[in-house]
C-alpha atoms as a PDB file:
ATOM      1  CA  MET A   1     121.124 189.686  78.258  1.00  0.00           C
ATOM      2  CA  SER A   2     120.378 192.255  80.969  1.00  0.00           C
ATOM      3  CA  LEU A   3     118.798 191.411  84.274  1.00  0.00           C
ATOM      4  CA  GLN A   4     115.172 192.343  84.722  1.00  0.00           C
ATOM      5  CA  ALA A   5     114.417 195.420  86.836  1.00  0.00           C
ATOM      6  CA  GLU A   6     112.693 193.218  89.417  1.00  0.00           C
ATOM      7  CA  THR A   7     115.767 190.984  89.725  1.00  0.00           C
ATOM      8  CA  GLN A   8     118.042 194.037  90.014  1.00  0.00           C
ATOM      9  CA  ASN A   9     115.795 195.380  92.790  1.00  0.00           C
ATOM     10  CA  ILE A  10     115.888 192.053  94.674  1.00  0.00           C
ATOM     11  CA  LEU A  11     119.681 191.899  94.377  1.00  0.00           C
ATOM     12  CA  SER A  12     120.070 195.529  95.552  1.00  0.00           C
ATOM     13  CA  ASN A  13     117.888 194.879  98.597  1.00  0.00           C
ATOM     14  CA  PHE A  14     119.731 191.643  99.366  1.00  0.00           C
ATOM     15  CA  ILE A  15     123.146 193.349  99.100  1.00  0.00           C
ATOM     16  CA  SER A  16     121.964 196.173 101.374  1.00  0.00           C
ATOM     17  CA  ALA A  17     120.674 193.682 103.945  1.00  0.00           C
ATOM     18  CA  LEU A  18     123.976 191.787 103.823  1.00  0.00           C
ATOM     19  CA  SER A  19     125.889 195.042 104.394  1.00  0.00           C
ATOM     20  CA  VAL A  20     123.840 195.798 107.505  1.00  0.00           C
ATOM     21  CA  GLU A  21     124.343 192.253 108.827  1.00  0.00           C
ATOM     22  CA  ILE A  22     128.093 192.351 108.123  1.00  0.00           C
ATOM     23  CA  ASP A  23     128.477 195.670 109.957  1.00  0.00           C
ATOM     24  CA  SER A  24     126.583 194.235 112.917  1.00  0.00           C
ATOM     25  CA  ILE A  25     128.614 191.009 113.068  1.00  0.00           C
ATOM     26  CA  LYS A  26     131.953 192.826 112.771  1.00  0.00           C
ATOM     27  CA  LYS A  27     131.305 194.378 116.183  1.00  0.00           C
ATOM     28  CA  TYR A  28     131.753 190.929 117.732  1.00  0.00           C
ATOM     29  CA  VAL A  29     135.259 189.742 116.957  1.00  0.00           C
ATOM     30  CA  GLN A  30     136.604 186.700 118.775  1.00  0.00           C
ATOM     31  CA  LYS A  31     140.151 187.193 120.075  1.00  0.00           C
ATOM     32  CA  VAL A  32     142.262 184.059 120.376  1.00  0.00           C
ATOM     33  CA  THR A  33     145.685 184.182 121.975  1.00  0.00           C
ATOM     34  CA  ALA A  34     148.165 181.677 120.584  1.00  0.00           C
ATOM     35  CA  LYS A  35     151.666 181.075 121.906  1.00  0.00           C
ATOM     36  CA  ASN A  36     154.896 179.188 121.241  1.00  0.00           C
ATOM     37  CA  GLY A  37     154.573 179.484 117.483  1.00  0.00           C
ATOM     38  CA  SER A  38     157.002 177.896 115.113  1.00  0.00           C
ATOM     39  CA  LEU A  39     157.438 178.003 111.370  1.00  0.00           C
ATOM     40  CA  LEU A  40     156.592 174.601 109.908  1.00  0.00           C
ATOM     41  CA  GLU A  41     157.373 175.388 106.283  1.00  0.00           C
ATOM     42  CA  ASN A  42     157.400 177.963 103.540  1.00  0.00           C
ATOM     43  CA  ILE A  43     155.434 176.814 100.496  1.00  0.00           C
ATOM     44  CA  GLY A  44     154.986 179.003  97.427  1.00  0.00           C
ATOM     45  CA  GLY A  45     155.254 182.263  99.327  1.00  0.00           C
ATOM     46  CA  LEU A  46     152.994 181.102 102.168  1.00  0.00           C
ATOM     47  CA  PHE A  47     154.374 180.662 105.650  1.00  0.00           C
ATOM     48  CA  ILE A  48     152.798 177.834 107.653  1.00  0.00           C
ATOM     49  CA  TYR A  49     152.875 178.220 111.441  1.00  0.00           C
ATOM     50  CA  LYS A  50     151.830 176.020 114.338  1.00  0.00           C
ATOM     51  CA  PHE A  51     150.801 177.535 117.685  1.00  0.00           C
ATOM     52  CA  GLU A  52     149.640 176.290 121.072  1.00  0.00           C
ATOM     53  CA  LEU A  53     146.324 177.418 122.549  1.00  0.00           C
ATOM     54  CA  ASP A  54     145.304 177.727 126.200  1.00  0.00           C
ATOM     55  CA  ASP A  55     141.712 176.742 125.418  1.00  0.00           C
ATOM     56  CA  SER A  56     140.050 174.629 122.760  1.00  0.00           C
ATOM     57  CA  TYR A  57     138.366 176.640 119.989  1.00  0.00           C
ATOM     58  CA  ASP A  58     136.076 175.561 117.196  1.00  0.00           C
ATOM     59  CA  ILE A  59     137.302 177.641 114.267  1.00  0.00           C
ATOM     60  CA  PRO A  60     136.495 176.128 110.863  1.00  0.00           C
ATOM     61  CA  ASP A  61     139.305 175.323 108.436  1.00  0.00           C
ATOM     62  CA  ASP A  62     139.872 177.964 105.718  1.00  0.00           C
ATOM     63  CA  THR A  63     138.566 180.774 107.921  1.00  0.00           C
ATOM     64  CA  GLN A  64     140.187 184.072 107.009  1.00  0.00           C
ATOM     65  CA  VAL A  65     141.512 185.838 110.092  1.00  0.00           C
ATOM     66  CA  GLN A  66     143.642 188.764 111.100  1.00  0.00           C
ATOM     67  CA  VAL A  67     146.841 188.048 113.031  1.00  0.00           C
ATOM     68  CA  ARG A  68     148.482 190.613 115.302  1.00  0.00           C
ATOM     69  CA  THR A  69     152.049 190.426 116.515  1.00  0.00           C
ATOM     70  CA  GLY A  70     152.806 193.480 118.642  1.00  0.00           C
ATOM     71  CA  ILE A  71     151.624 196.452 116.584  1.00  0.00           C
ATOM     72  CA  ALA A  72     151.850 194.703 113.190  1.00  0.00           C
ATOM     73  CA  SER A  73     148.752 193.119 111.644  1.00  0.00           C
ATOM     74  CA  TYR A  74     148.549 190.514 108.855  1.00  0.00           C
ATOM     75  CA  GLN A  75     145.901 188.542 106.991  1.00  0.00           C
ATOM     76  CA  ALA A  76     146.021 184.789 107.530  1.00  0.00           C
ATOM     77  CA  VAL A  77     143.974 181.642 106.981  1.00  0.00           C
ATOM     78  CA  ILE A  78     143.239 178.912 109.511  1.00  0.00           C
ATOM     79  CA  ILE A  79     144.491 175.613 108.117  1.00  0.00           C
ATOM     80  CA  ASN A  80     143.450 173.575 111.116  1.00  0.00           C
ATOM     81  CA  CYS A  81     142.295 174.246 114.657  1.00  0.00           C
ATOM     82  CA  LYS A  82     142.008 171.103 116.721  1.00  0.00           C
ATOM     83  CA  GLY A  83     142.287 170.688 120.460  1.00  0.00           C
ATOM     84  CA  LEU A  84     144.951 172.970 121.875  1.00  0.00           C
ATOM     85  CA  GLU A  85     146.754 173.466 118.570  1.00  0.00           C
ATOM     86  CA  ILE A  86     146.178 175.805 115.640  1.00  0.00           C
ATOM     87  CA  ILE A  87     147.919 175.872 112.260  1.00  0.00           C
ATOM     88  CA  ILE A  88     147.740 179.016 110.155  1.00  0.00           C
ATOM     89  CA  SER A  89     148.931 180.139 106.747  1.00  0.00           C
ATOM     90  CA  CYS A  90     150.225 183.687 106.322  1.00  0.00           C
ATOM     91  CA  GLU A  91     151.743 185.532 103.364  1.00  0.00           C
ATOM     92  CA  ALA A  92     154.036 187.434 105.745  1.00  0.00           C
ATOM     93  CA  ASP A  93     157.153 185.948 107.296  1.00  0.00           C
ATOM     94  CA  LEU A  94     156.622 186.244 111.052  1.00  0.00           C
ATOM     95  CA  GLY A  95     159.969 184.595 111.844  1.00  0.00           C
ATOM     96  CA  LYS A  96     160.968 181.073 112.853  1.00  0.00           C
ATOM     97  CA  GLN A  97     159.778 181.344 116.468  1.00  0.00           C
ATOM     98  CA  ILE A  98     156.902 183.545 117.605  1.00  0.00           C
ATOM     99  CA  PRO A  99     156.333 183.874 121.366  1.00  0.00           C
ATOM    100  CA  SER A 100     152.660 184.874 121.002  1.00  0.00           C
ATOM    101  CA  ILE A 101     150.109 186.319 118.616  1.00  0.00           C
ATOM    102  CA  THR A 102     146.499 187.422 118.770  1.00  0.00           C
ATOM    103  CA  ILE A 103     144.177 185.938 116.162  1.00  0.00           C
ATOM    104  CA  LEU A 104     141.051 187.966 115.411  1.00  0.00           C
ATOM    105  CA  VAL A 105     138.207 185.808 114.117  1.00  0.00           C
ATOM    106  CA  SER A 106     135.122 187.398 112.585  1.00  0.00           C
ATOM    107  CA  ASN A 107     132.126 185.411 111.421  1.00  0.00           C
ATOM    108  CA  ALA A 108     131.462 188.032 108.755  1.00  0.00           C
ATOM    109  CA  ASN A 109     133.759 186.368 106.184  1.00  0.00           C
ATOM    110  CA  LEU A 110     131.100 184.060 104.781  1.00  0.00           C
ATOM    111  CA  LEU A 111     128.602 186.901 104.478  1.00  0.00           C
ATOM    112  CA  GLU A 112     131.230 189.088 102.797  1.00  0.00           C
ATOM    113  CA  SER A 113     131.828 186.319 100.249  1.00  0.00           C
ATOM    114  CA  LEU A 114     128.081 186.052  99.630  1.00  0.00           C
ATOM    115  CA  LYS A 115     127.847 189.833  99.197  1.00  0.00           C
ATOM    116  CA  ARG A 116     130.698 189.793  96.638  1.00  0.00           C
ATOM    117  CA  LEU A 117     128.913 186.999  94.762  1.00  0.00           C
ATOM    118  CA  MET A 118     125.643 188.968  94.698  1.00  0.00           C
ATOM    119  CA  GLU A 119     127.513 192.065  93.447  1.00  0.00           C
ATOM    120  CA  GLU A 120     129.079 190.015  90.646  1.00  0.00           C
ATOM    121  CA  ILE A 121     125.653 188.695  89.688  1.00  0.00           C
ATOM    122  CA  GLN A 122     124.220 192.220  89.764  1.00  0.00           C
ATOM    123  CA  SER A 123     127.032 193.552  87.562  1.00  0.00           C
ATOM    124  CA  GLU A 124     126.411 190.553  85.254  1.00  0.00           C
ATOM    125  CA  LYS A 125     129.889 189.077  85.613  1.00  0.00           C
ATOM    126  CA  ILE A 126     128.091 185.882  86.623  1.00  0.00           C
ATOM    127  CA  PHE A 127     124.929 184.760  84.883  1.00  0.00           C
ATOM    128  CA  ILE A 128     121.971 183.255  86.716  1.00  0.00           C
ATOM    129  CA  ASN A 129     118.570 181.806  85.989  1.00  0.00           C
ATOM    130  CA  GLU A 130     116.308 184.741  86.836  1.00  0.00           C
ATOM    131  CA  ASP A 131     113.227 182.544  87.044  1.00  0.00           C
ATOM    132  CA  LEU A 132     114.786 180.815  90.059  1.00  0.00           C
ATOM    133  CA  VAL A 133     115.634 184.144  91.727  1.00  0.00           C
ATOM    134  CA  LEU A 134     112.096 185.409  91.279  1.00  0.00           C
ATOM    135  CA  LYS A 135     110.644 182.126  92.523  1.00  0.00           C
ATOM    136  CA  LEU A 136     112.958 182.103  95.524  1.00  0.00           C
ATOM    137  CA  PHE A 137     111.670 185.505  96.570  1.00  0.00           C
ATOM    138  CA  ASN A 138     108.074 184.487  95.778  1.00  0.00           C
ATOM    139  CA  ASN A 139     107.687 186.975  92.945  1.00  0.00           C
ATOM    140  CA  SER A 140     107.003 184.533  90.146  1.00  0.00           C
ATOM    141  CA  THR A 141     105.871 181.069  89.322  1.00  0.00           C
ATOM    142  CA  VAL A 142     108.344 178.781  87.640  1.00  0.00           C
ATOM    143  CA  SER A 143     107.091 176.913  84.647  1.00  0.00           C
ATOM    144  CA  ALA A 144     108.428 173.631  83.331  1.00  0.00           C
ATOM    145  CA  THR A 145     109.587 175.452  80.179  1.00  0.00           C
ATOM    146  CA  SER A 146     112.102 177.376  82.293  1.00  0.00           C
ATOM    147  CA  PHE A 147     114.112 174.157  82.656  1.00  0.00           C
ATOM    148  CA  PRO A 148     113.590 172.119  79.503  1.00  0.00           C
ATOM    149  CA  GLU A 149     116.875 170.197  79.785  1.00  0.00           C
ATOM    150  CA  TYR A 150     116.179 168.892  83.297  1.00  0.00           C
ATOM    151  CA  PHE A 151     113.875 166.126  84.374  1.00  0.00           C
ATOM    152  CA  ILE A 152     112.984 165.862  88.033  1.00  0.00           C
ATOM    153  CA  PRO A 153     111.189 162.587  88.755  1.00  0.00           C
ATOM    154  CA  PRO A 154     108.196 162.698  91.090  1.00  0.00           C
ATOM    155  CA  LEU A 155     108.748 161.737  94.717  1.00  0.00           C
ATOM    156  CA  LYS A 156     107.662 158.243  95.679  1.00  0.00           C
ATOM    157  CA  SER A 157     105.534 158.089  98.758  1.00  0.00           C
ATOM    158  CA  ILE A 158     106.484 155.492 101.324  1.00  0.00           C
END
């Protein structure tokens, strides 16, 4: 079943707004210098490295980052960043000992994931309840018949 024109329009506008926000955020990349890296293990084609940090950073686990060693650049994922230590996963073999690397952290990753999700919904690879989309953007009222298999009990006042 095809998406309604109104839903397609909402998704197009949302994707455009996300693109603008992503471009804006990408201008502000956090550079983290890590040193004294060592290969912890190689698991299934992923190379796990541990590095020391000069300062404490609050980088969430599973954040996708770019790692630079000299002139080479690789994609990596933060496994853990706690205190003055960071552990990353990289598909490239950087060697057993790495004197220093620069880790480029962008906060645009989450928005890029959301944009990809919206594009999949728009291309109908993922199906959604359009009544909820229209209600979310205040373009429709949701009737109880939209959700016949769900029962939401009334809130009890205290």
